[in-house]
Amino acid sequence: MPKKRLIGKIISDKMEKTVVVQVEEIKKHPLYKRRYRFHKKYKAHNEKSDLKIGDKVVIEECRPMSKEKRWRVIKKL
């Protein structure tokens, strides 16, 4: 099974080798059919610590690296 990949924006880079990525998704309400934006935050591993707040990145699912970190930064867009 292929690993999931998501595109998001970095909202925090204060931790060492870790960034917080906010992924935006547009969902449709099942009853009212109105579309709305849904945000979710993921902690992702960034080995080089070269990314800054506001950068757009691609993250990929990986093995658990810590209690909350299960994603890895693949590339900067």
C-alpha atoms as a PDB file:
ATOM      1  CA  MET A   1       0.000   0.000   0.000  1.00  0.00           C
ATOM      2  CA  PRO A   2       1.487   3.404  -0.945  1.00  0.00           C
ATOM      3  CA  LYS A   3       2.227   5.973   1.748  1.00  0.00           C
ATOM      4  CA  LYS A   4      -0.065   8.986   2.044  1.00  0.00           C
ATOM      5  CA  ARG A   5       1.253  12.335   0.843  1.00  0.00           C
ATOM      6  CA  LEU A   6      -0.195  15.698   1.835  1.00  0.00           C
ATOM      7  CA  ILE A   7       0.552  19.295   0.856  1.00  0.00           C
ATOM      8  CA  GLY A   8       0.536  21.941   3.550  1.00  0.00           C
ATOM      9  CA  LYS A   9       2.024  25.131   4.934  1.00  0.00           C
ATOM     10  CA  ILE A  10       4.511  25.346   7.807  1.00  0.00           C
ATOM     11  CA  ILE A  11       3.056  27.222  10.777  1.00  0.00           C
ATOM     12  CA  SER A  12       5.805  26.526  13.348  1.00  0.00           C
ATOM     13  CA  ASP A  13       9.506  25.700  13.207  1.00  0.00           C
ATOM     14  CA  LYS A  14      10.483  26.246  16.857  1.00  0.00           C
ATOM     15  CA  MET A  15      11.373  22.614  17.607  1.00  0.00           C
ATOM     16  CA  GLU A  16      14.638  20.965  16.621  1.00  0.00           C
ATOM     17  CA  LYS A  17      14.279  18.778  13.493  1.00  0.00           C
ATOM     18  CA  THR A  18      10.483  19.124  13.648  1.00  0.00           C
ATOM     19  CA  VAL A  19       8.001  21.410  11.891  1.00  0.00           C
ATOM     20  CA  VAL A  20       4.258  21.783  12.332  1.00  0.00           C
ATOM     21  CA  VAL A  21       2.436  21.605   9.007  1.00  0.00           C
ATOM     22  CA  GLN A  22      -1.148  22.781   8.556  1.00  0.00           C
ATOM     23  CA  VAL A  23      -3.052  20.921   5.841  1.00  0.00           C
ATOM     24  CA  GLU A  24      -6.205  22.523   4.444  1.00  0.00           C
ATOM     25  CA  GLU A  25      -8.998  20.395   3.040  1.00  0.00           C
ATOM     26  CA  ILE A  26     -12.326  21.418   1.539  1.00  0.00           C
ATOM     27  CA  LYS A  27     -15.211  19.271   2.732  1.00  0.00           C
ATOM     28  CA  LYS A  28     -18.863  19.193   1.779  1.00  0.00           C
ATOM     29  CA  HIS A  29     -21.536  19.101   4.452  1.00  0.00           C
ATOM     30  CA  PRO A  30     -23.571  15.867   4.064  1.00  0.00           C
ATOM     31  CA  LEU A  31     -26.968  17.483   4.655  1.00  0.00           C
ATOM     32  CA  TYR A  32     -26.640  21.128   3.613  1.00  0.00           C
ATOM     33  CA  LYS A  33     -24.211  20.539   0.702  1.00  0.00           C
ATOM     34  CA  ARG A  34     -22.216  23.651   1.630  1.00  0.00           C
ATOM     35  CA  ARG A  35     -18.447  23.453   1.174  1.00  0.00           C
ATOM     36  CA  TYR A  36     -16.250  24.526   4.069  1.00  0.00           C
ATOM     37  CA  ARG A  37     -12.542  24.596   4.866  1.00  0.00           C
ATOM     38  CA  PHE A  38     -11.142  22.147   7.366  1.00  0.00           C
ATOM     39  CA  HIS A  39      -7.618  22.470   8.818  1.00  0.00           C
ATOM     40  CA  LYS A  40      -5.510  19.808  10.475  1.00  0.00           C
ATOM     41  CA  LYS A  41      -2.020  20.072  11.976  1.00  0.00           C
ATOM     42  CA  TYR A  42       0.694  17.447  11.619  1.00  0.00           C
ATOM     43  CA  LYS A  43       4.147  17.290  13.201  1.00  0.00           C
ATOM     44  CA  ALA A  44       6.687  16.326  10.554  1.00  0.00           C
ATOM     45  CA  HIS A  45      10.369  15.391  10.716  1.00  0.00           C
ATOM     46  CA  ASN A  46      12.757  17.863   9.054  1.00  0.00           C
ATOM     47  CA  GLU A  47      16.326  16.563   9.325  1.00  0.00           C
ATOM     48  CA  LYS A  48      18.141  19.652   7.972  1.00  0.00           C
ATOM     49  CA  SER A  49      16.016  22.269   9.815  1.00  0.00           C
ATOM     50  CA  ASP A  50      16.230  24.487   6.704  1.00  0.00           C
ATOM     51  CA  LEU A  51      12.515  25.314   6.362  1.00  0.00           C
ATOM     52  CA  LYS A  52      10.840  28.463   7.664  1.00  0.00           C
ATOM     53  CA  ILE A  53       7.300  29.543   8.574  1.00  0.00           C
ATOM     54  CA  GLY A  54       5.118  30.032   5.488  1.00  0.00           C
ATOM     55  CA  ASP A  55       6.927  27.512   3.251  1.00  0.00           C
ATOM     56  CA  LYS A  56       4.722  25.103   1.293  1.00  0.00           C
ATOM     57  CA  VAL A  57       5.862  21.487   1.677  1.00  0.00           C
ATOM     58  CA  VAL A  58       4.943  17.910   0.798  1.00  0.00           C
ATOM     59  CA  ILE A  59       4.833  15.513   3.756  1.00  0.00           C
ATOM     60  CA  GLU A  60       4.741  11.722   3.632  1.00  0.00           C
ATOM     61  CA  GLU A  61       3.622   9.115   6.128  1.00  0.00           C
ATOM     62  CA  CYS A  62       6.418   7.194   7.870  1.00  0.00           C
ATOM     63  CA  ARG A  63       7.151   5.069  10.910  1.00  0.00           C
ATOM     64  CA  PRO A  64       6.556   6.676  14.335  1.00  0.00           C
ATOM     65  CA  MET A  65       9.556   8.840  15.246  1.00  0.00           C
ATOM     66  CA  SER A  66       8.187  10.099  18.563  1.00  0.00           C
ATOM     67  CA  LYS A  67       4.915  10.262  20.481  1.00  0.00           C
ATOM     68  CA  GLU A  68       3.204  12.560  17.950  1.00  0.00           C
ATOM     69  CA  LYS A  69       5.551  12.609  14.950  1.00  0.00           C
ATOM     70  CA  ARG A  70       4.515  10.191  12.160  1.00  0.00           C
ATOM     71  CA  TRP A  71       5.227  12.292   9.054  1.00  0.00           C
ATOM     72  CA  ARG A  72       8.381  13.287   7.155  1.00  0.00           C
ATOM     73  CA  VAL A  73       8.994  16.347   4.977  1.00  0.00           C
ATOM     74  CA  ILE A  74       9.732  15.197   1.418  1.00  0.00           C
ATOM     75  CA  LYS A  75      10.278  18.464  -0.459  1.00  0.00           C
ATOM     76  CA  LYS A  76       9.634  22.177  -0.496  1.00  0.00           C
ATOM     77  CA  LEU A  77       7.299  23.511  -3.191  1.00  0.00           C
END
